[in-house]
């Protein structure tokens, strides 16, 4: 299990592009030069942090946790995921994170037992 201590954790906050398939379903998150060499043991968390500007939806970040990587690549934050990407993950469907700089791919699946109380 990955122990996340927020008070002193350094993390990489990264931009991304959201990719869709021909049916307009979320397919992947494209990133550039953020995935570490060691992807084994990767874990994910969804982190809600308040309401969006319209007040109708929550802002949700995706945290990618890599226990074998050095800081700051051991914790990567993909901020403010669009609601369709959050819904895709909450439905238990796999989502690929593709790092175009290195050709690395990580398939992530969010299961309800990964939810943690803050």
Protein backbone atom coordinates (compact mmCIF):
# COMPACT_ATOMS: atom_id res chain seq x y z
CA UNK A 1 0.00 0.00 0.00
CA UNK A 2 1.19 3.49 -0.79
CA UNK A 3 1.38 5.82 2.21
CA UNK A 4 0.46 9.36 1.19
CA UNK A 5 1.45 12.01 3.72
CA UNK A 6 0.05 15.25 2.40
CA UNK A 7 1.80 17.59 4.80
CA UNK A 8 5.24 17.02 3.22
CA UNK A 9 4.50 15.27 -0.05
CA UNK A 10 6.00 16.74 -3.19
CA UNK A 11 3.97 16.02 -6.27
CA UNK A 12 4.07 16.68 -9.96
CA UNK A 13 1.02 18.55 -11.24
CA UNK A 14 0.67 17.83 -14.93
CA UNK A 15 -1.44 18.96 -17.83
CA UNK A 16 -3.17 16.41 -20.04
CA UNK A 17 -5.38 16.01 -23.06
CA UNK A 18 -8.49 13.86 -22.98
CA UNK A 19 -8.87 11.46 -25.91
CA UNK A 20 -12.12 9.98 -27.20
CA UNK A 21 -12.96 7.01 -29.41
CA UNK A 22 -15.22 7.20 -32.48
CA UNK A 23 -18.30 6.81 -30.25
CA UNK A 24 -17.36 9.92 -28.22
CA UNK A 25 -16.54 7.74 -25.21
CA UNK A 26 -13.55 8.64 -23.05
CA UNK A 27 -10.58 6.56 -24.21
CA UNK A 28 -7.35 7.93 -22.73
CA UNK A 29 -5.53 10.74 -20.98
CA UNK A 30 -2.52 11.91 -22.96
CA UNK A 31 0.40 13.28 -20.95
CA UNK A 32 3.95 14.30 -21.81
CA UNK A 33 7.04 13.17 -19.92
CA UNK A 34 5.45 12.42 -16.54
CA UNK A 35 5.23 8.64 -16.17
CA UNK A 36 8.22 7.15 -14.33
CA UNK A 37 10.25 4.18 -15.60
CA UNK A 38 8.75 1.88 -12.96
CA UNK A 39 4.99 1.56 -13.38
CA UNK A 40 4.65 -1.59 -11.26
CA UNK A 41 2.55 -1.17 -8.15
CA UNK A 42 0.87 1.97 -9.45
CA UNK A 43 -2.24 3.05 -7.62
CA UNK A 44 -4.80 5.78 -8.22
CA UNK A 45 -7.04 8.00 -6.14
CA UNK A 46 -9.81 10.39 -7.07
CA UNK A 47 -9.71 13.53 -4.93
CA UNK A 48 -12.67 15.93 -4.77
CA UNK A 49 -11.81 19.46 -3.78
CA UNK A 50 -14.84 21.72 -3.85
CA UNK A 51 -17.35 22.86 -6.43
CA UNK A 52 -16.80 24.11 -9.95
CA UNK A 53 -17.51 27.70 -10.95
CA UNK A 54 -21.10 26.82 -11.85
CA UNK A 55 -21.56 25.21 -8.43
CA UNK A 56 -23.29 22.23 -10.00
CA UNK A 57 -20.39 19.77 -10.04
CA UNK A 58 -17.37 18.89 -7.92
CA UNK A 59 -13.80 19.46 -9.04
CA UNK A 60 -12.09 16.08 -9.07
CA UNK A 61 -8.36 15.43 -9.46
CA UNK A 62 -6.79 12.12 -10.43
CA UNK A 63 -3.75 11.18 -8.35
CA UNK A 64 -1.38 8.59 -9.82
CA UNK A 65 0.80 6.99 -7.14
CA UNK A 66 4.06 5.22 -8.05
CA UNK A 67 5.75 3.68 -4.98
CA UNK A 68 8.93 2.76 -6.88
CA UNK A 69 9.57 6.22 -8.33
CA UNK A 70 11.56 9.11 -6.95
CA UNK A 71 9.85 12.39 -6.01
CA UNK A 72 8.18 14.24 -7.59
CA UNK A 73 7.22 11.52 -10.09
CA UNK A 74 6.03 9.23 -7.30
CA UNK A 75 2.86 11.33 -6.98
CA UNK A 76 1.36 12.80 -10.14
CA UNK A 77 -1.76 14.95 -10.06
CA UNK A 78 -3.94 15.35 -13.15
CA UNK A 79 -6.14 18.23 -11.96
CA UNK A 80 -9.78 18.99 -12.63
CA UNK A 81 -10.82 15.97 -14.67
CA UNK A 82 -13.86 16.58 -16.86
CA UNK A 83 -17.03 15.03 -15.45
CA UNK A 84 -17.25 12.45 -18.26
CA UNK A 85 -13.78 11.14 -17.34
CA UNK A 86 -14.72 10.97 -13.64
CA UNK A 87 -17.94 9.12 -14.50
CA UNK A 88 -15.95 6.72 -16.70
CA UNK A 89 -13.61 5.88 -13.81
CA UNK A 90 -16.41 5.65 -11.24
CA UNK A 91 -18.17 3.14 -13.49
CA UNK A 92 -15.12 0.87 -13.05
CA UNK A 93 -14.09 1.18 -16.70
CA UNK A 94 -10.37 1.16 -17.57
CA UNK A 95 -8.75 4.37 -18.75
CA UNK A 96 -5.32 4.51 -20.36
CA UNK A 97 -2.78 7.14 -19.42
CA UNK A 98 -0.46 7.51 -22.42
CA UNK A 99 2.89 9.29 -22.07
CA UNK A 100 3.79 10.33 -25.59
CA UNK A 101 7.34 11.40 -24.72
CA UNK A 102 8.37 7.88 -23.72
CA UNK A 103 5.68 5.70 -25.30
CA UNK A 104 4.65 4.42 -21.88
CA UNK A 105 1.07 3.36 -21.24
CA UNK A 106 -0.67 2.74 -17.96
CA UNK A 107 -4.19 1.35 -17.77
CA UNK A 108 -5.98 2.49 -14.62
CA UNK A 109 -9.21 1.18 -13.13
CA UNK A 110 -10.87 2.80 -10.15
CA UNK A 111 -12.63 0.40 -7.83
CA UNK A 112 -14.84 1.42 -4.94
CA UNK A 113 -12.52 -0.18 -2.38
CA UNK A 114 -9.91 2.43 -3.39
CA UNK A 115 -12.00 5.22 -1.92
CA UNK A 116 -10.45 6.61 1.23
CA UNK A 117 -11.82 8.90 3.90
CA UNK A 118 -9.95 12.14 4.28
